[in-house]
Amino acid sequence: MSESALQLAYDRIEELELKLESANERIKRTESFINRFLDPEDLGYTVNNYVRDDARESLGRERVESKL
């Protein structure tokens, strides 16, 4: 591989790493927001059981308050 090809590959890797970091940060913020619906001291009592179960399901957990 030529030096310029290696530099292009390195630049692309750096670009992808930045995009991955950004995506991971968005995922963390989204999970944090969703978890607020499950916290009775936060938004947990302001939403109904279906919304809480949807929140659980989106986090990969089992529905416990409503069965569809």
C-alpha atoms as a PDB file:
ATOM      1  CA  MET A   1       0.000   0.000   0.000  1.00  0.00           C
ATOM      2  CA  SER A   2       1.236   3.440  -0.809  1.00  0.00           C
ATOM      3  CA  GLU A   3       1.742   6.081   1.823  1.00  0.00           C
ATOM      4  CA  SER A   4      -1.152   8.158   0.470  1.00  0.00           C
ATOM      5  CA  ALA A   5      -3.489   5.158   0.595  1.00  0.00           C
ATOM      6  CA  LEU A   6      -2.477   4.503   4.187  1.00  0.00           C
ATOM      7  CA  GLN A   7      -3.087   8.156   5.053  1.00  0.00           C
ATOM      8  CA  LEU A   8      -6.549   8.009   3.462  1.00  0.00           C
ATOM      9  CA  ALA A   9      -7.357   4.860   5.435  1.00  0.00           C
ATOM     10  CA  TYR A  10      -6.103   6.464   8.653  1.00  0.00           C
ATOM     11  CA  ASP A  11      -8.176   9.604   8.014  1.00  0.00           C
ATOM     12  CA  ARG A  12     -11.268   7.495   7.346  1.00  0.00           C
ATOM     13  CA  ILE A  13     -10.721   5.538  10.577  1.00  0.00           C
ATOM     14  CA  GLU A  14     -10.455   8.784  12.549  1.00  0.00           C
ATOM     15  CA  GLU A  15     -13.655  10.063  10.937  1.00  0.00           C
ATOM     16  CA  LEU A  16     -15.501   6.856  11.786  1.00  0.00           C
ATOM     17  CA  GLU A  17     -14.224   6.943  15.370  1.00  0.00           C
ATOM     18  CA  LEU A  18     -15.636  10.445  15.795  1.00  0.00           C
ATOM     19  CA  LYS A  19     -18.990   9.348  14.378  1.00  0.00           C
ATOM     20  CA  LEU A  20     -19.016   6.324  16.691  1.00  0.00           C
ATOM     21  CA  GLU A  21     -18.290   8.485  19.736  1.00  0.00           C
ATOM     22  CA  SER A  22     -21.108  10.824  18.755  1.00  0.00           C
ATOM     23  CA  ALA A  23     -23.534   7.933  18.238  1.00  0.00           C
ATOM     24  CA  ASN A  24     -22.578   6.392  21.585  1.00  0.00           C
ATOM     25  CA  GLU A  25     -23.218   9.708  23.338  1.00  0.00           C
ATOM     26  CA  ARG A  26     -26.662   9.992  21.710  1.00  0.00           C
ATOM     27  CA  ILE A  27     -27.466   6.425  22.776  1.00  0.00           C
ATOM     28  CA  LYS A  28     -26.482   7.197  26.382  1.00  0.00           C
ATOM     29  CA  ARG A  29     -28.653  10.337  26.413  1.00  0.00           C
ATOM     30  CA  THR A  30     -31.580   8.416  24.926  1.00  0.00           C
ATOM     31  CA  GLU A  31     -31.263   5.598  27.473  1.00  0.00           C
ATOM     32  CA  SER A  32     -31.093   8.162  30.264  1.00  0.00           C
ATOM     33  CA  PHE A  33     -34.258   9.841  28.996  1.00  0.00           C
ATOM     34  CA  ILE A  34     -36.095   6.524  28.684  1.00  0.00           C
ATOM     35  CA  ASN A  35     -35.027   5.499  32.185  1.00  0.00           C
ATOM     36  CA  ARG A  36     -36.699   8.650  33.529  1.00  0.00           C
ATOM     37  CA  PHE A  37     -40.073   7.078  32.659  1.00  0.00           C
ATOM     38  CA  LEU A  38     -39.257   4.176  34.952  1.00  0.00           C
ATOM     39  CA  ASP A  39     -38.200   6.294  37.923  1.00  0.00           C
ATOM     40  CA  PRO A  40     -41.166   7.002  40.243  1.00  0.00           C
ATOM     41  CA  GLU A  41     -39.359  10.043  41.631  1.00  0.00           C
ATOM     42  CA  ASP A  42     -38.967  11.518  38.153  1.00  0.00           C
ATOM     43  CA  LEU A  43     -41.468  10.881  35.330  1.00  0.00           C
ATOM     44  CA  GLY A  44     -42.599   7.420  36.393  1.00  0.00           C
ATOM     45  CA  TYR A  45     -45.953   8.466  37.854  1.00  0.00           C
ATOM     46  CA  THR A  46     -46.718  11.026  35.136  1.00  0.00           C
ATOM     47  CA  VAL A  47     -47.088   8.374  32.431  1.00  0.00           C
ATOM     48  CA  ASN A  48     -49.345   5.355  32.293  1.00  0.00           C
ATOM     49  CA  ASN A  49     -48.335   1.709  32.570  1.00  0.00           C
ATOM     50  CA  TYR A  50     -48.245   1.234  28.788  1.00  0.00           C
ATOM     51  CA  VAL A  51     -45.659   3.992  28.379  1.00  0.00           C
ATOM     52  CA  ARG A  52     -43.551   2.530  31.190  1.00  0.00           C
ATOM     53  CA  ASP A  53     -43.709  -0.903  29.567  1.00  0.00           C
ATOM     54  CA  ASP A  54     -42.801   0.603  26.192  1.00  0.00           C
ATOM     55  CA  ALA A  55     -39.822   2.208  27.915  1.00  0.00           C
ATOM     56  CA  ARG A  56     -38.805  -1.129  29.423  1.00  0.00           C
ATOM     57  CA  GLU A  57     -39.183  -2.872  26.086  1.00  0.00           C
ATOM     58  CA  SER A  58     -37.064  -0.256  24.296  1.00  0.00           C
ATOM     59  CA  LEU A  59     -34.309  -0.945  26.843  1.00  0.00           C
ATOM     60  CA  GLY A  60     -34.494  -4.680  26.124  1.00  0.00           C
ATOM     61  CA  ARG A  61     -36.429  -5.536  29.260  1.00  0.00           C
ATOM     62  CA  GLU A  62     -39.648  -7.479  29.642  1.00  0.00           C
ATOM     63  CA  ARG A  63     -43.057  -5.770  29.880  1.00  0.00           C
ATOM     64  CA  VAL A  64     -44.306  -6.132  33.452  1.00  0.00           C
ATOM     65  CA  GLU A  65     -47.340  -3.869  33.818  1.00  0.00           C
ATOM     66  CA  SER A  66     -49.199  -4.547  30.592  1.00  0.00           C
ATOM     67  CA  LYS A  67     -49.223  -7.442  28.189  1.00  0.00           C
ATOM     68  CA  LEU A  68     -49.921  -6.844  24.503  1.00  0.00           C
END
